[in-house]
Each structure stands twice: as structure tokens, then as C-alpha cells.
């Protein structure tokens, strides 16, 4: 009996082992490479890649030698636990464990599951926060439910710190966490006479206030822990300024030194601006890196000049600005365009198991996209499909569903909320921005199938 009860956790452990063996000690991308250099003290800690989490990793590296493999282990466990807890809103233990492993190995996301970096930190922490909301709703006992709420808020804070432009994704998860928090308060005699409607409104207000508070704290933390302000927001400004320069036939980019901004005039913008990325507004189009196109970091004064020019251009040409943003967002959603499936690359260390590492690379490559997208991979990387499933998944929040399922609806809501941030803040088109929507959509499908089967079994039993 005990072995049967532990079997689902064995399945989860097997899933974690598969990911770790295939990817150990972890894959990286350009962002992770910058984070690692900050962790190892090779470059200053900058706010281009979550200064707070980089600083924390650096302390772990200095104190206990925490390196790539250790972080891969932690993020893998967090992701697995999060997916499992959300699935438990509608699935049995064993079914939730099996589906969790299948989601880990799913083609749309497998190429990133072994990537160490803020993209996976954001997704894993977001999913865990939603899972904690489900757990706090399902579990009995005041102490376990309070612990689940606390863990969920911490995970939500990590998600916002990993990707601050994802705060609109975290907001619905914090609202879902506020509901069981209020229930715990009512058990202590606080708000005991509130109507369900008032409780729901209060949970929404508390969730939004928590989002604002955590976002402000994360911004302050980044400013405190960074050694250098890299002004990553400038890339978004330059994308918009480049589009508006072409749309209005006016030079809107500020006149700074060529070392700071190598692309300023209309002919230069026409040559370097691209609809899917702002990179070449500062980087060499021949691929020699950002430094080849100009100074890597702008001064505070230079960044302020760019921001002022952006504000003026947006206020003067709001229609053109929204049109340009919609074009970028449309490409991000994969409408008439397939975003690049940029998989993580091996780090400087040799893989622990080269043969298995090759298997992971080949399997991810089957589903990949690029200059010559594969037949299998292309259709899987159009985010509008997953976003549509997330929109349908919001129906799980309807009162007719159990409370745990309504809590799980926070995850597809997070996938939808992220799209608002991507509309206004994304400086480029990349599939990795849509990983949360992909995970949420797969979980929604699993829950929908499970509830449909349960309903059919119930109908059959009654008849």
C-alpha cells in the first residue's frame, strides 16, 4: 500500500532524472552567458539580466560553489512540482504525475526545459505559484494551507524578479493566492460576514496590490544589487523609434555620439531596422556582436535622451506607434510568421553524458524552426494556438467548477496577461517569450480531458 502511494512521486523523480541526465550540467543562451559572467565576477552585475537573481546566484557560488548544474536541478524540481500541483486540481496523483512527465518532454517546450536562465526561472516560478494556489485551496489544515500561500507568494516574487515585464502574468496568480489567504483570515474571525462577491472583489484587490508591491520591491532590489545600469529598456525604445522613423519619414532618434547609437539617420534606419528585432539598431548586422556596433552600455544621460525622444515620438504619432506595436505582436503570436525557435546551446563544459546530450539535441531539432523550419516544428511554434487554448481555459474559473479548478485557471490567465506586456514591452520576436502560454495551454487541455472523462464516467454510472 505504501509503495502504491509513493509510486506517483517515483514517476515525478523519473521525469526529473530524464531531464537532468539529458541536459546536465545545463544549457545556456546569450542571457545566461551574461548572467554566468556576472556570477563568476568576470563582468559587473547588470540589470539587463535580473540583477537580483544574478547577485543571489553569485552569493551561492561564493559560499557553496553553486554553479550551473545546481541551478538546473532546482529549476527542474520547481517546474515539476508546479505542473504536478496544478494538474492535481482535476487529476488523480498517478495521472497528474504521468501527465507532468509528458508535458516536460512535449515538443513545443522540450528545447528549453534544460536551459538555465531567467526564461525558465520565470516560467517555473509562475507555474509553481499557480500550483501553490491550487494546493492552498485543496489541502486541509490551516498550517499546510498557510505554507502553500506563503510559498506561492515567494514563487510569484521570484517570477517578477526574473522578468519584470511579466508582472501582468503574475497578477492573476497572486489573485488566486489571495482567495485562500482570505479564507484563512476568515477562519480567524477576520471578514467572517463578507458575502462571496465581496470576498472575490477583495481577493482581486489584494492580488493587484501585491503585484504592485512586489514589482516595486523587485525594481528597488535590482537597483540595489546591480553594479552597473545597462538600461535594457533602450532596446524597446529603439525598436519603436526605428519604426516611427520609417513610418513618418522623419528622423526621431536623438543625435548622440556614434559610439552610443550607431544608427540614427533615416538611411541608416532603413538599412538596419528589422520588424522582428531591435538588435541591429545597436549591433553589427554581420553578427560580430553588440560591441562591434557601438558601446555596449549607455550612460544614464544618454538613456534619458533616448527615453525622452521615445516619449515625444509616441505622443506625436500614437496611431503609428500602435500600428508598429501591433505588427510586432502579430509576429510574436505567429500570425503569418513563425518565431525563431532558438534552442539553448551547450555551455563551455562538456556534457556529463555526451550520447544522451546528443539525443536531446536531435529530438529538439526535429521540432525546431529556423532558416529552414522543419515540417513538424513549424506549426508548433505559433503562439496564437496556445493563446486561444488559454482563453478557452479561462472558462475553468466559472463558479460551476470546483474551487481547485478555479484556482488552476490562474495559469491560463497568466498566459493571456503576458500578452499585454509583450504588446508594449517586447523588443523582439522569440518563441521563448511564449513558453508560459505553451505550458498553460497543455495543462488546460489535460484538465479538460480529465474532467470530460470524469463526467462521462459519472453519466454512465447514473444510467
Protein backbone atom coordinates (compact mmCIF):
# COMPACT_ATOMS: atom_id res chain seq x y z
CA UNK A 1 0.00 0.00 0.00
CA UNK A 2 2.80 2.39 0.92
CA UNK A 3 4.65 1.61 -2.33
CA UNK A 4 1.48 2.32 -4.29
CA UNK A 5 1.08 5.68 -2.53
CA UNK A 6 4.67 6.62 -3.33
CA UNK A 7 4.52 5.49 -6.97
CA UNK A 8 3.41 8.88 -8.37
CA UNK A 9 6.39 10.56 -6.74
CA UNK A 10 8.62 7.94 -8.30
CA UNK A 11 7.23 8.90 -11.70
CA UNK A 12 8.00 12.55 -10.98
CA UNK A 13 11.52 11.64 -9.88
CA UNK A 14 11.97 9.67 -13.09
CA UNK A 15 10.88 12.71 -15.12
CA UNK A 16 13.35 14.91 -13.28
CA UNK A 17 16.11 12.35 -13.82
CA UNK A 18 15.41 12.22 -17.56
CA UNK A 19 15.71 16.00 -17.90
CA UNK A 20 18.82 16.19 -15.74
CA UNK A 21 20.60 13.32 -17.50
CA UNK A 22 19.78 14.68 -20.96
CA UNK A 23 20.87 18.23 -20.19
CA UNK A 24 23.37 18.08 -17.31
CA UNK A 25 25.04 20.37 -16.35
CA UNK A 26 22.62 22.64 -18.22
CA UNK A 27 22.32 24.58 -21.45
CA UNK A 28 22.59 28.34 -21.82
CA UNK A 29 21.62 31.17 -24.14
CA UNK A 30 23.11 34.64 -24.58
CA UNK A 31 21.31 35.94 -21.49
CA UNK A 32 22.58 33.07 -19.35
CA UNK A 33 26.07 33.64 -20.63
CA UNK A 34 25.90 37.22 -19.35
CA UNK A 35 24.43 36.07 -16.03
CA UNK A 36 27.20 33.47 -15.59
CA UNK A 37 29.88 36.09 -16.20
CA UNK A 38 28.28 38.21 -13.50
CA UNK A 39 28.09 35.21 -11.15
CA UNK A 40 31.77 34.44 -11.67
CA UNK A 41 32.80 38.08 -11.31
CA UNK A 42 34.02 38.40 -14.90
CA UNK A 43 31.71 41.37 -15.55
CA UNK A 44 29.68 43.63 -13.26
CA UNK A 45 26.19 42.58 -12.21
CA UNK A 46 23.88 44.49 -14.55
CA UNK A 47 20.13 44.97 -14.74
CA UNK A 48 19.95 43.66 -18.30
CA UNK A 49 19.53 40.17 -16.83
CA UNK A 50 17.72 40.29 -13.47
CA UNK A 51 20.38 41.83 -11.24
CA UNK A 52 18.78 40.48 -8.06
CA UNK A 53 18.82 36.81 -9.06
CA UNK A 54 22.31 37.19 -10.56
CA UNK A 55 23.52 38.66 -7.26
CA UNK A 56 21.89 35.87 -5.25
CA UNK A 57 23.46 33.26 -7.51
CA UNK A 58 26.82 34.95 -7.06
CA UNK A 59 26.47 34.69 -3.27
CA UNK A 60 25.59 30.99 -3.58
CA UNK A 61 28.57 30.48 -5.86
CA UNK A 62 30.91 32.19 -3.40
CA UNK A 63 29.54 30.41 -0.34
CA UNK A 64 28.91 26.85 -1.52
CA UNK A 65 30.16 26.76 -5.12
CA UNK A 66 26.65 26.83 -6.62
CA UNK A 67 27.08 26.55 -10.37
CA UNK A 68 25.10 25.71 -13.48
CA UNK A 69 24.17 22.13 -12.54
CA UNK A 70 22.84 23.08 -9.11
CA UNK A 71 20.58 25.77 -10.58
CA UNK A 72 19.39 23.35 -13.28
CA UNK A 73 18.42 20.88 -10.55
CA UNK A 74 16.48 23.50 -8.57
CA UNK A 75 14.60 24.93 -11.57
CA UNK A 76 13.71 21.42 -12.81
CA UNK A 77 12.29 20.42 -9.42
CA UNK A 78 10.36 23.70 -9.16
CA UNK A 79 8.85 23.24 -12.62
CA UNK A 80 7.88 19.61 -11.99
CA UNK A 81 6.31 20.33 -8.62
CA UNK A 82 4.43 23.31 -10.06
CA UNK A 83 2.98 21.42 -13.02
CA UNK A 84 2.03 18.48 -10.79
CA UNK A 85 0.27 20.66 -8.22
CA UNK A 86 -1.77 22.46 -10.90
CA UNK A 87 -2.77 19.16 -12.51
CA UNK A 88 -3.89 17.81 -9.13
CA UNK A 89 -6.81 20.24 -9.33
CA UNK A 90 -8.52 17.75 -11.64
CA UNK A 91 -6.38 14.61 -11.91
CA UNK A 92 -5.51 11.75 -9.59
CA UNK A 93 -1.98 11.53 -8.20
CA UNK A 94 -0.75 8.99 -10.71
CA UNK A 95 -2.45 10.64 -13.68
CA UNK A 96 -1.05 14.04 -12.65
CA UNK A 97 2.45 12.56 -12.33
CA UNK A 98 2.35 10.86 -15.74
CA UNK A 99 0.96 13.94 -17.50
CA UNK A 100 3.61 16.10 -15.79
CA UNK A 101 6.37 13.99 -17.33
CA UNK A 102 4.67 14.07 -20.74
CA UNK A 103 4.49 17.89 -20.54
CA UNK A 104 8.19 18.02 -19.64
CA UNK A 105 9.01 16.10 -22.82
CA UNK A 106 6.48 17.90 -25.04
CA UNK A 107 7.96 19.16 -28.34
CA UNK A 108 6.96 22.86 -28.02
CA UNK A 109 8.94 23.32 -24.83
CA UNK A 110 11.48 20.49 -24.63
CA UNK A 111 14.24 22.52 -26.29
CA UNK A 112 14.16 24.94 -23.36
CA UNK A 113 13.48 22.71 -20.37
CA UNK A 114 17.20 22.18 -19.81
CA UNK A 115 18.12 25.83 -20.32
CA UNK A 116 19.33 27.60 -17.21
CA UNK A 117 18.26 31.23 -17.23
CA UNK A 118 15.59 33.75 -16.45
CA UNK A 119 13.17 32.50 -19.11
CA UNK A 120 12.84 29.15 -17.35
CA UNK A 121 13.05 30.75 -13.91
CA UNK A 122 10.07 32.92 -14.82
CA UNK A 123 8.03 30.01 -16.19
CA UNK A 124 8.90 27.57 -13.39
CA UNK A 125 8.20 30.11 -10.64
CA UNK A 126 4.93 31.20 -12.26
CA UNK A 127 3.72 27.61 -12.59
CA UNK A 128 4.75 26.81 -9.01
CA UNK A 129 2.89 29.89 -7.71
CA UNK A 130 -0.26 28.71 -9.51
CA UNK A 131 0.29 25.20 -8.12
CA UNK A 132 0.55 26.61 -4.62
CA UNK A 133 -2.77 28.42 -5.14
CA UNK A 134 -4.34 25.09 -6.09
CA UNK A 135 -2.73 23.35 -3.09
CA UNK A 136 -3.88 26.06 -0.67
CA UNK A 137 -7.42 25.52 -1.99
CA UNK A 138 -7.34 21.69 -1.90
CA UNK A 139 -5.41 20.93 1.26
CA UNK A 140 -6.93 20.65 4.71
CA UNK A 141 -5.34 22.00 7.83
CA UNK A 142 -4.50 25.63 8.49
CA UNK A 143 -0.72 25.22 8.63
CA UNK A 144 -0.30 23.43 5.25
CA UNK A 145 -2.60 25.91 3.52
CA UNK A 146 -0.77 28.88 5.03
CA UNK A 147 2.55 27.38 3.96
CA UNK A 148 1.22 26.92 0.42
CA UNK A 149 0.12 30.56 0.27
CA UNK A 150 3.49 31.74 1.56
CA UNK A 151 5.41 29.56 -0.89
CA UNK A 152 3.18 30.77 -3.71
CA UNK A 153 3.80 34.43 -2.93
CA UNK A 154 7.55 33.77 -2.78
CA UNK A 155 7.42 31.98 -6.14
CA UNK A 156 5.41 34.87 -7.63
CA UNK A 157 8.02 37.31 -6.37
CA UNK A 158 10.80 35.27 -8.00
CA UNK A 159 8.84 35.22 -11.27
CA UNK A 160 8.51 39.01 -11.30
CA UNK A 161 12.17 39.42 -10.37
CA UNK A 162 13.20 37.08 -13.19
CA UNK A 163 11.20 39.00 -15.80
CA UNK A 164 9.73 42.30 -14.65
CA UNK A 165 7.84 42.79 -17.90
CA UNK A 166 5.90 39.69 -16.93
CA UNK A 167 4.19 41.27 -13.92
CA UNK A 168 0.81 41.19 -15.69
CA UNK A 169 1.21 37.42 -15.99
CA UNK A 170 1.83 37.07 -12.26
CA UNK A 171 -1.11 39.29 -11.23
CA UNK A 172 -3.86 36.67 -11.76
CA UNK A 173 -1.78 34.09 -9.89
CA UNK A 174 -1.49 36.43 -6.91
CA UNK A 175 -5.25 36.97 -7.07
CA UNK A 176 -5.69 33.18 -6.93
CA UNK A 177 -3.39 33.08 -3.89
CA UNK A 178 -5.33 35.88 -2.20
CA UNK A 179 -8.52 33.79 -2.20
CA UNK A 180 -7.24 31.03 0.16
CA UNK A 181 -5.40 33.69 2.17
CA UNK A 182 -8.73 35.39 2.81
CA UNK A 183 -10.27 32.03 3.68
CA UNK A 184 -7.57 31.55 6.30
CA UNK A 185 -8.27 35.03 7.64
CA UNK A 186 -11.99 34.27 7.91
CA UNK A 187 -11.18 31.18 9.96
CA UNK A 188 -9.52 33.54 12.40
CA UNK A 189 -12.59 35.75 12.54
CA UNK A 190 -11.49 38.41 10.05
CA UNK A 191 -14.14 39.23 7.44
CA UNK A 192 -16.35 36.37 8.54
CA UNK A 193 -19.55 38.11 7.50
CA UNK A 194 -18.44 39.00 3.98
CA UNK A 195 -20.56 37.94 1.02
CA UNK A 196 -18.94 35.78 -1.69
CA UNK A 197 -18.98 38.77 -4.04
CA UNK A 198 -17.22 41.00 -1.55
CA UNK A 199 -14.66 38.29 -0.87
CA UNK A 200 -13.97 37.94 -4.61
CA UNK A 201 -13.56 41.70 -5.05
CA UNK A 202 -11.25 41.83 -2.05
CA UNK A 203 -9.14 38.96 -3.42
CA UNK A 204 -8.75 40.77 -6.74
CA UNK A 205 -7.76 43.99 -4.97
CA UNK A 206 -5.26 42.21 -2.72
CA UNK A 207 -3.75 40.34 -5.67
CA UNK A 208 -3.27 43.53 -7.67
CA UNK A 209 -1.83 45.38 -4.68
CA UNK A 210 0.57 42.50 -4.06
CA UNK A 211 1.64 42.62 -7.71
CA UNK A 212 2.39 46.34 -7.48
CA UNK A 213 4.23 45.93 -4.18
CA UNK A 214 6.36 43.03 -5.40
CA UNK A 215 7.14 44.84 -8.67
CA UNK A 216 8.27 47.93 -6.77
CA UNK A 217 10.35 45.84 -4.37
CA UNK A 218 11.91 43.97 -7.30
CA UNK A 219 12.83 47.22 -9.03
CA UNK A 220 14.39 48.55 -5.83
CA UNK A 221 16.23 45.27 -5.29
CA UNK A 222 17.65 45.34 -8.82
CA UNK A 223 18.89 48.89 -8.31
CA UNK A 224 20.47 47.90 -5.00
CA UNK A 225 22.21 44.73 -6.21
CA UNK A 226 23.39 45.89 -9.65
CA UNK A 227 26.91 47.14 -10.17
CA UNK A 228 26.02 48.88 -13.40
CA UNK A 229 22.80 50.11 -15.03
CA UNK A 230 22.70 48.63 -18.55
CA UNK A 231 19.36 50.25 -19.45
CA UNK A 232 17.77 47.26 -21.24
CA UNK A 233 14.64 49.35 -21.88
CA UNK A 234 16.61 51.26 -24.53
CA UNK A 235 16.22 48.32 -26.93
CA UNK A 236 12.44 48.71 -26.81
CA UNK A 237 12.72 52.45 -27.32
CA UNK A 238 14.98 51.99 -30.33
CA UNK A 239 12.64 49.46 -31.91
CA UNK A 240 9.75 51.91 -31.69
CA UNK A 241 11.84 54.89 -32.76
CA UNK A 242 13.12 52.96 -35.76
CA UNK A 243 9.59 52.01 -36.81
CA UNK A 244 8.30 55.55 -36.33
CA UNK A 245 11.25 56.99 -38.25
CA UNK A 246 10.28 54.85 -41.24
CA UNK A 247 6.52 55.34 -40.82
CA UNK A 248 6.69 59.16 -40.55
CA UNK A 249 9.73 59.72 -42.78
CA UNK A 250 11.31 61.80 -40.02
CA UNK A 251 14.49 61.39 -38.03
CA UNK A 252 13.23 60.75 -34.50
CA UNK A 253 16.28 59.08 -32.95
CA UNK A 254 18.28 61.53 -30.79
CA UNK A 255 21.57 62.88 -32.04
CA UNK A 256 24.06 61.14 -29.77
CA UNK A 257 27.62 60.02 -30.34
CA UNK A 258 28.03 57.26 -32.92
CA UNK A 259 29.73 55.22 -30.23
CA UNK A 260 26.46 55.28 -28.28
CA UNK A 261 23.96 55.00 -31.15
CA UNK A 262 25.46 53.85 -34.46
CA UNK A 263 22.04 54.03 -36.19
CA UNK A 264 20.38 57.44 -36.28
CA UNK A 265 19.66 58.82 -39.76
CA UNK A 266 16.78 57.67 -41.95
CA UNK A 267 19.05 55.86 -44.45
CA UNK A 268 20.77 54.05 -41.57
CA UNK A 269 17.43 53.08 -40.06
CA UNK A 270 16.18 51.76 -43.40
CA UNK A 271 19.29 49.62 -43.66
CA UNK A 272 19.43 48.28 -40.09
CA UNK A 273 15.89 48.24 -38.63
CA UNK A 274 14.13 44.89 -38.77
CA UNK A 275 10.48 44.11 -37.95
CA UNK A 276 11.31 41.18 -35.65
CA UNK A 277 14.19 42.54 -33.56
CA UNK A 278 15.76 45.74 -32.31
CA UNK A 279 19.18 44.12 -32.02
CA UNK A 280 20.65 45.59 -35.18
CA UNK A 281 19.82 49.12 -34.13
CA UNK A 282 22.89 48.76 -31.93
CA UNK A 283 24.66 45.58 -33.07
CA UNK A 284 26.68 44.78 -36.15
CA UNK A 285 24.42 43.11 -38.76
CA UNK A 286 27.31 40.82 -39.68
CA UNK A 287 26.90 39.12 -36.33
CA UNK A 288 30.07 40.35 -34.63
CA UNK A 289 28.20 41.30 -31.50
CA UNK A 290 26.84 44.44 -29.92
CA UNK A 291 30.24 45.99 -29.24
CA UNK A 292 31.01 45.96 -32.95
CA UNK A 293 28.03 48.27 -33.48
CA UNK A 294 28.72 50.67 -30.63
CA UNK A 295 29.33 50.96 -26.91
CA UNK A 296 27.63 48.13 -25.00
CA UNK A 297 26.24 50.32 -22.20
CA UNK A 298 24.76 53.79 -22.47
CA UNK A 299 25.26 56.36 -19.73
CA UNK A 300 22.29 57.47 -17.65
CA UNK A 301 22.19 60.76 -19.55
CA UNK A 302 22.23 59.02 -22.93
CA UNK A 303 19.49 56.61 -21.88
CA UNK A 304 17.39 59.56 -20.67
CA UNK A 305 17.81 61.27 -24.05
CA UNK A 306 16.59 58.14 -25.84
CA UNK A 307 13.62 57.81 -23.47
CA UNK A 308 12.65 61.47 -23.93
CA UNK A 309 12.80 61.09 -27.72
CA UNK A 310 10.67 57.95 -27.49
CA UNK A 311 8.03 59.64 -25.34
CA UNK A 312 7.84 62.60 -27.69
CA UNK A 313 7.59 60.38 -30.77
CA UNK A 314 4.85 58.20 -29.23
CA UNK A 315 2.79 61.22 -28.11
CA UNK A 316 3.18 62.88 -31.51
CA UNK A 317 2.36 59.73 -33.51
CA UNK A 318 0.18 57.46 -31.32
CA UNK A 319 -1.55 55.77 -34.25
CA UNK A 320 1.71 54.88 -35.97
CA UNK A 321 3.12 53.67 -32.64
CA UNK A 322 0.18 51.30 -32.04
CA UNK A 323 0.37 50.07 -35.62
CA UNK A 324 4.05 49.24 -35.22
CA UNK A 325 3.42 47.52 -31.89
CA UNK A 326 0.58 45.51 -33.39
CA UNK A 327 2.85 44.37 -36.22
CA UNK A 328 5.45 43.14 -33.74
CA UNK A 329 2.80 41.46 -31.60
CA UNK A 330 1.24 39.77 -34.61
CA UNK A 331 4.59 38.26 -35.49
CA UNK A 332 5.12 37.29 -31.85
CA UNK A 333 1.83 35.40 -31.92
CA UNK A 334 2.86 33.61 -35.08
CA UNK A 335 0.16 35.08 -37.29
CA UNK A 336 1.64 34.89 -40.76
CA UNK A 337 5.09 34.38 -39.25
CA UNK A 338 6.93 31.62 -37.40
CA UNK A 339 9.02 32.93 -34.47
CA UNK A 340 12.53 31.54 -34.26
CA UNK A 341 12.80 28.51 -32.01
CA UNK A 342 16.21 29.44 -30.63
CA UNK A 343 17.21 26.45 -28.56
CA UNK A 344 19.68 26.63 -25.72
CA UNK A 345 23.28 25.94 -26.61
CA UNK A 346 25.82 23.78 -24.74
CA UNK A 347 27.92 25.62 -22.18
CA UNK A 348 31.69 25.63 -22.06
CA UNK A 349 31.71 22.39 -20.06
CA UNK A 350 31.43 19.03 -21.74
CA UNK A 351 28.02 17.36 -21.20
CA UNK A 352 28.05 14.74 -18.47
CA UNK A 353 26.64 12.14 -20.88
CA UNK A 354 27.53 13.18 -24.44
CA UNK A 355 25.39 10.47 -26.04
CA UNK A 356 22.26 11.48 -24.15
CA UNK A 357 23.02 15.14 -24.76
CA UNK A 358 23.07 14.42 -28.48
CA UNK A 359 19.72 12.64 -28.16
CA UNK A 360 18.24 15.74 -26.51
CA UNK A 361 19.67 17.99 -29.21
CA UNK A 362 18.41 15.78 -32.04
CA UNK A 363 14.95 15.39 -30.51
CA UNK A 364 14.59 19.14 -30.02
CA UNK A 365 15.90 19.68 -33.55
CA UNK A 366 13.07 17.63 -35.03
CA UNK A 367 10.65 20.27 -33.80
CA UNK A 368 12.86 23.26 -34.39
CA UNK A 369 12.44 26.24 -36.67
CA UNK A 370 14.99 28.47 -38.30
CA UNK A 371 16.10 29.45 -41.80
CA UNK A 372 14.69 26.12 -42.97
CA UNK A 373 11.92 25.20 -40.48
CA UNK A 374 11.12 21.55 -40.15
CA UNK A 375 7.73 20.29 -41.29
CA UNK A 376 6.96 19.08 -37.77
CA UNK A 377 8.29 22.09 -35.91
CA UNK A 378 6.79 25.00 -37.81
CA UNK A 379 3.12 24.58 -36.83
CA UNK A 380 4.02 24.03 -33.16
CA UNK A 381 5.51 27.47 -32.71
CA UNK A 382 2.58 29.70 -33.50
CA UNK A 383 1.64 31.17 -30.15
CA UNK A 384 -1.89 32.16 -31.16
CA UNK A 385 -2.88 28.48 -30.96
CA UNK A 386 -1.74 28.24 -27.33
CA UNK A 387 -3.20 31.64 -26.52
CA UNK A 388 -6.58 30.53 -27.89
CA UNK A 389 -6.47 27.46 -25.63
CA UNK A 390 -5.60 29.73 -22.69
CA UNK A 391 -8.57 31.97 -23.49
CA UNK A 392 -10.83 28.93 -23.54
CA UNK A 393 -9.19 27.78 -20.32
CA UNK A 394 -10.45 30.89 -18.55
CA UNK A 395 -13.81 29.13 -18.51
CA UNK A 396 -12.35 26.96 -15.74
CA UNK A 397 -12.83 29.96 -13.45
CA UNK A 398 -16.62 29.67 -13.71
CA UNK A 399 -18.43 29.00 -10.41
CA UNK A 400 -19.72 25.63 -11.62
CA UNK A 401 -16.22 24.15 -11.34
CA UNK A 402 -14.60 23.06 -8.05
CA UNK A 403 -12.59 25.69 -6.20
CA UNK A 404 -9.27 23.96 -7.01
CA UNK A 405 -10.01 24.04 -10.73
CA UNK A 406 -10.92 27.72 -10.49
CA UNK A 407 -7.53 28.32 -8.83
CA UNK A 408 -5.82 26.44 -11.67
CA UNK A 409 -7.49 28.87 -14.12
CA UNK A 410 -4.97 31.46 -12.89
CA UNK A 411 -2.34 29.80 -15.08
CA UNK A 412 -4.06 30.31 -18.46
CA UNK A 413 -4.98 33.79 -17.21
CA UNK A 414 -1.26 34.35 -16.66
CA UNK A 415 -0.56 33.25 -20.24
CA UNK A 416 -3.12 35.75 -21.51
CA UNK A 417 -1.88 38.52 -19.23
CA UNK A 418 1.66 38.12 -20.50
CA UNK A 419 0.49 39.07 -23.99
CA UNK A 420 -0.31 42.60 -22.84
CA UNK A 421 3.28 43.02 -21.62
CA UNK A 422 4.58 41.58 -24.88
CA UNK A 423 2.45 44.03 -26.88
CA UNK A 424 4.00 47.08 -25.22
CA UNK A 425 7.39 45.95 -23.92
CA UNK A 426 8.87 43.20 -26.10
CA UNK A 427 11.73 44.46 -28.29
CA UNK A 428 11.86 41.36 -30.49
CA UNK A 429 10.08 38.19 -31.60
CA UNK A 430 11.22 34.96 -29.93
CA UNK A 431 9.43 31.75 -29.06
CA UNK A 432 10.91 31.71 -25.56
CA UNK A 433 8.60 34.59 -24.63
CA UNK A 434 5.65 32.23 -25.15
CA UNK A 435 6.82 29.32 -23.03
CA UNK A 436 4.37 30.18 -20.25
CA UNK A 437 1.43 30.18 -22.67
CA UNK A 438 2.56 26.81 -24.04
CA UNK A 439 2.78 25.21 -20.58
CA UNK A 440 -0.56 26.73 -19.55
CA UNK A 441 -2.27 25.51 -22.73
CA UNK A 442 -1.00 21.94 -22.30
CA UNK A 443 -2.21 21.91 -18.69
CA UNK A 444 -5.62 23.28 -19.74
CA UNK A 445 -6.00 20.51 -22.32
CA UNK A 446 -5.06 17.85 -19.75
CA UNK A 447 -7.56 19.20 -17.21
CA UNK A 448 -10.31 19.50 -19.82
CA UNK A 449 -9.81 15.92 -20.97
CA UNK A 450 -9.75 14.64 -17.39
CA UNK A 451 -12.97 16.44 -16.46
CA UNK A 452 -14.69 15.30 -19.65
CA UNK A 453 -13.78 11.67 -18.94
CA UNK A 454 -14.91 12.03 -15.33
CA UNK A 455 -18.24 13.45 -16.50
CA UNK A 456 -18.75 10.57 -18.92
CA UNK A 457 -17.97 8.02 -16.22
CA UNK A 458 -20.40 9.76 -13.90
CA UNK A 459 -23.12 9.81 -16.57
CA UNK A 460 -22.54 6.12 -17.31
CA UNK A 461 -22.77 5.23 -13.61
CA UNK A 462 -26.07 7.10 -13.26
CA UNK A 463 -27.60 5.47 -16.33
